[in-house]
């Protein structure tokens, strides 16, 4: 898979979106291509996000406002998952005694 796509390449690769719709979603900040002197460049994340946007629009017939809310919530969830992974790695690096205390404290919270 490519690292960066031109507008033509991303339209061809996804195939379910028009140039006009892509422009609307970029203008709405749902996609954030990197601007180059010869046009925008879309990352692999933009590619995956564009596929998701197309799926959401086709499956749920979401309007732009609702689409923006759904994507914002997914972005937040992704951020929380990254923070949780970092926390889990930090806890795993602690001595066994500390990990046991943390596990006990988590069980008390249930």
C-alpha atoms as a PDB file:
ATOM      1  CA  UNK A   1       0.000   0.000   0.000  1.00  0.00           C
ATOM      2  CA  UNK A   2       1.234   3.467  -0.833  1.00  0.00           C
ATOM      3  CA  UNK A   3       2.354   5.959   1.808  1.00  0.00           C
ATOM      4  CA  UNK A   4       0.806   9.014   0.128  1.00  0.00           C
ATOM      5  CA  UNK A   5      -1.920   9.274  -2.504  1.00  0.00           C
ATOM      6  CA  UNK A   6      -2.617  12.112  -4.892  1.00  0.00           C
ATOM      7  CA  UNK A   7      -6.230  13.181  -5.255  1.00  0.00           C
ATOM      8  CA  UNK A   8      -6.493  11.179  -8.478  1.00  0.00           C
ATOM      9  CA  UNK A   9      -5.009   8.083  -6.837  1.00  0.00           C
ATOM     10  CA  UNK A  10      -7.288   8.187  -3.811  1.00  0.00           C
ATOM     11  CA  UNK A  11     -10.369   8.704  -5.974  1.00  0.00           C
ATOM     12  CA  UNK A  12      -9.329   5.771  -8.145  1.00  0.00           C
ATOM     13  CA  UNK A  13      -8.392   3.572  -5.190  1.00  0.00           C
ATOM     14  CA  UNK A  14     -11.579   4.133  -3.194  1.00  0.00           C
ATOM     15  CA  UNK A  15     -13.829   4.344  -6.249  1.00  0.00           C
ATOM     16  CA  UNK A  16     -17.005   5.114  -4.288  1.00  0.00           C
ATOM     17  CA  UNK A  17     -16.570   8.854  -3.933  1.00  0.00           C
ATOM     18  CA  UNK A  18     -16.732  11.732  -6.381  1.00  0.00           C
ATOM     19  CA  UNK A  19     -14.207  14.545  -6.563  1.00  0.00           C
ATOM     20  CA  UNK A  20     -16.930  16.930  -5.380  1.00  0.00           C
ATOM     21  CA  UNK A  21     -17.807  14.792  -2.337  1.00  0.00           C
ATOM     22  CA  UNK A  22     -14.125  14.388  -1.466  1.00  0.00           C
ATOM     23  CA  UNK A  23     -13.763  18.163  -1.571  1.00  0.00           C
ATOM     24  CA  UNK A  24     -16.801  18.594   0.696  1.00  0.00           C
ATOM     25  CA  UNK A  25     -15.363  16.171   3.254  1.00  0.00           C
ATOM     26  CA  UNK A  26     -11.933  17.848   3.151  1.00  0.00           C
ATOM     27  CA  UNK A  27     -13.585  21.263   3.582  1.00  0.00           C
ATOM     28  CA  UNK A  28     -15.586  19.865   6.529  1.00  0.00           C
ATOM     29  CA  UNK A  29     -12.263  18.712   8.082  1.00  0.00           C
ATOM     30  CA  UNK A  30     -13.317  15.057   7.999  1.00  0.00           C
ATOM     31  CA  UNK A  31     -10.142  14.338   6.036  1.00  0.00           C
ATOM     32  CA  UNK A  32      -6.888  16.227   6.467  1.00  0.00           C
ATOM     33  CA  UNK A  33      -4.580  15.779   3.499  1.00  0.00           C
ATOM     34  CA  UNK A  34      -1.099  17.247   3.560  1.00  0.00           C
ATOM     35  CA  UNK A  35      -0.819  20.131   1.126  1.00  0.00           C
ATOM     36  CA  UNK A  36       2.003  19.961  -1.426  1.00  0.00           C
ATOM     37  CA  UNK A  37       2.888  22.498  -4.093  1.00  0.00           C
ATOM     38  CA  UNK A  38       1.243  20.272  -6.725  1.00  0.00           C
ATOM     39  CA  UNK A  39      -1.885  19.388  -4.723  1.00  0.00           C
ATOM     40  CA  UNK A  40      -3.063  17.517  -1.653  1.00  0.00           C
ATOM     41  CA  UNK A  41      -1.550  14.214  -0.564  1.00  0.00           C
ATOM     42  CA  UNK A  42      -3.625  11.697   1.348  1.00  0.00           C
ATOM     43  CA  UNK A  43      -2.078   9.300   3.869  1.00  0.00           C
ATOM     44  CA  UNK A  44      -2.947   5.648   4.459  1.00  0.00           C
ATOM     45  CA  UNK A  45      -4.979   6.837   7.447  1.00  0.00           C
ATOM     46  CA  UNK A  46      -6.885   9.216   5.163  1.00  0.00           C
ATOM     47  CA  UNK A  47      -7.474   6.290   2.807  1.00  0.00           C
ATOM     48  CA  UNK A  48      -8.886   4.101   5.609  1.00  0.00           C
ATOM     49  CA  UNK A  49     -10.931   7.015   6.954  1.00  0.00           C
ATOM     50  CA  UNK A  50     -12.357   7.699   3.492  1.00  0.00           C
ATOM     51  CA  UNK A  51     -13.382   4.043   3.201  1.00  0.00           C
ATOM     52  CA  UNK A  52     -15.044   4.320   6.628  1.00  0.00           C
ATOM     53  CA  UNK A  53     -16.829   7.532   5.637  1.00  0.00           C
ATOM     54  CA  UNK A  54     -18.147   5.841   2.500  1.00  0.00           C
ATOM     55  CA  UNK A  55     -19.307   2.827   4.542  1.00  0.00           C
ATOM     56  CA  UNK A  56     -21.067   5.044   7.084  1.00  0.00           C
ATOM     57  CA  UNK A  57     -22.775   7.082   4.395  1.00  0.00           C
ATOM     58  CA  UNK A  58     -23.870   4.027   2.406  1.00  0.00           C
ATOM     59  CA  UNK A  59     -24.961   1.913   5.375  1.00  0.00           C
ATOM     60  CA  UNK A  60     -26.509   4.538   7.640  1.00  0.00           C
ATOM     61  CA  UNK A  61     -27.229   7.352   5.177  1.00  0.00           C
ATOM     62  CA  UNK A  62     -25.558   9.843   7.541  1.00  0.00           C
ATOM     63  CA  UNK A  63     -25.700  13.554   6.861  1.00  0.00           C
ATOM     64  CA  UNK A  64     -22.502  15.598   7.195  1.00  0.00           C
ATOM     65  CA  UNK A  65     -23.298  16.798  10.740  1.00  0.00           C
ATOM     66  CA  UNK A  66     -24.004  13.283  12.014  1.00  0.00           C
ATOM     67  CA  UNK A  67     -20.966  11.972  10.177  1.00  0.00           C
ATOM     68  CA  UNK A  68     -18.823  14.575  11.890  1.00  0.00           C
ATOM     69  CA  UNK A  69     -20.126  13.530  15.321  1.00  0.00           C
ATOM     70  CA  UNK A  70     -19.580   9.817  14.657  1.00  0.00           C
ATOM     71  CA  UNK A  71     -16.031  10.396  13.409  1.00  0.00           C
ATOM     72  CA  UNK A  72     -15.251  12.654  16.368  1.00  0.00           C
ATOM     73  CA  UNK A  73     -16.409   9.944  18.773  1.00  0.00           C
ATOM     74  CA  UNK A  74     -14.343   7.327  16.938  1.00  0.00           C
ATOM     75  CA  UNK A  75     -11.297   9.616  17.103  1.00  0.00           C
ATOM     76  CA  UNK A  76     -11.813  10.044  20.853  1.00  0.00           C
ATOM     77  CA  UNK A  77     -12.158   6.292  21.324  1.00  0.00           C
ATOM     78  CA  UNK A  78      -8.966   5.727  19.347  1.00  0.00           C
ATOM     79  CA  UNK A  79      -7.152   8.238  21.586  1.00  0.00           C
ATOM     80  CA  UNK A  80      -8.407   6.590  24.769  1.00  0.00           C
ATOM     81  CA  UNK A  81      -7.304   3.178  23.502  1.00  0.00           C
ATOM     82  CA  UNK A  82      -3.806   4.545  22.852  1.00  0.00           C
ATOM     83  CA  UNK A  83      -3.674   6.022  26.356  1.00  0.00           C
ATOM     84  CA  UNK A  84      -4.881   2.740  27.846  1.00  0.00           C
ATOM     85  CA  UNK A  85      -2.175   0.787  25.970  1.00  0.00           C
ATOM     86  CA  UNK A  86       0.479   3.176  27.303  1.00  0.00           C
ATOM     87  CA  UNK A  87      -0.878   2.792  30.833  1.00  0.00           C
ATOM     88  CA  UNK A  88      -0.935  -1.007  30.516  1.00  0.00           C
ATOM     89  CA  UNK A  89       2.686  -0.996  29.321  1.00  0.00           C
ATOM     90  CA  UNK A  90       3.713   1.231  32.241  1.00  0.00           C
ATOM     91  CA  UNK A  91       1.977  -1.052  34.737  1.00  0.00           C
ATOM     92  CA  UNK A  92       3.522  -4.145  33.137  1.00  0.00           C
ATOM     93  CA  UNK A  93       6.980  -2.616  33.649  1.00  0.00           C
ATOM     94  CA  UNK A  94       6.402  -2.262  37.395  1.00  0.00           C
ATOM     95  CA  UNK A  95       7.529  -4.860  39.952  1.00  0.00           C
ATOM     96  CA  UNK A  96       5.143  -7.749  40.704  1.00  0.00           C
ATOM     97  CA  UNK A  97       4.176  -6.259  44.083  1.00  0.00           C
ATOM     98  CA  UNK A  98       3.037  -3.009  42.471  1.00  0.00           C
ATOM     99  CA  UNK A  99       1.093  -4.871  39.760  1.00  0.00           C
ATOM    100  CA  UNK A 100      -0.660  -6.948  42.431  1.00  0.00           C
ATOM    101  CA  UNK A 101      -1.646  -3.809  44.374  1.00  0.00           C
ATOM    102  CA  UNK A 102      -2.994  -2.230  41.205  1.00  0.00           C
ATOM    103  CA  UNK A 103      -4.964  -5.385  40.356  1.00  0.00           C
ATOM    104  CA  UNK A 104      -6.410  -5.489  43.887  1.00  0.00           C
ATOM    105  CA  UNK A 105      -7.384  -1.808  43.710  1.00  0.00           C
ATOM    106  CA  UNK A 106      -9.118  -2.378  40.363  1.00  0.00           C
ATOM    107  CA  UNK A 107     -11.084  -5.327  41.795  1.00  0.00           C
ATOM    108  CA  UNK A 108     -12.264  -3.166  44.714  1.00  0.00           C
ATOM    109  CA  UNK A 109     -13.568  -0.628  42.235  1.00  0.00           C
ATOM    110  CA  UNK A 110     -15.925  -3.181  40.584  1.00  0.00           C
END
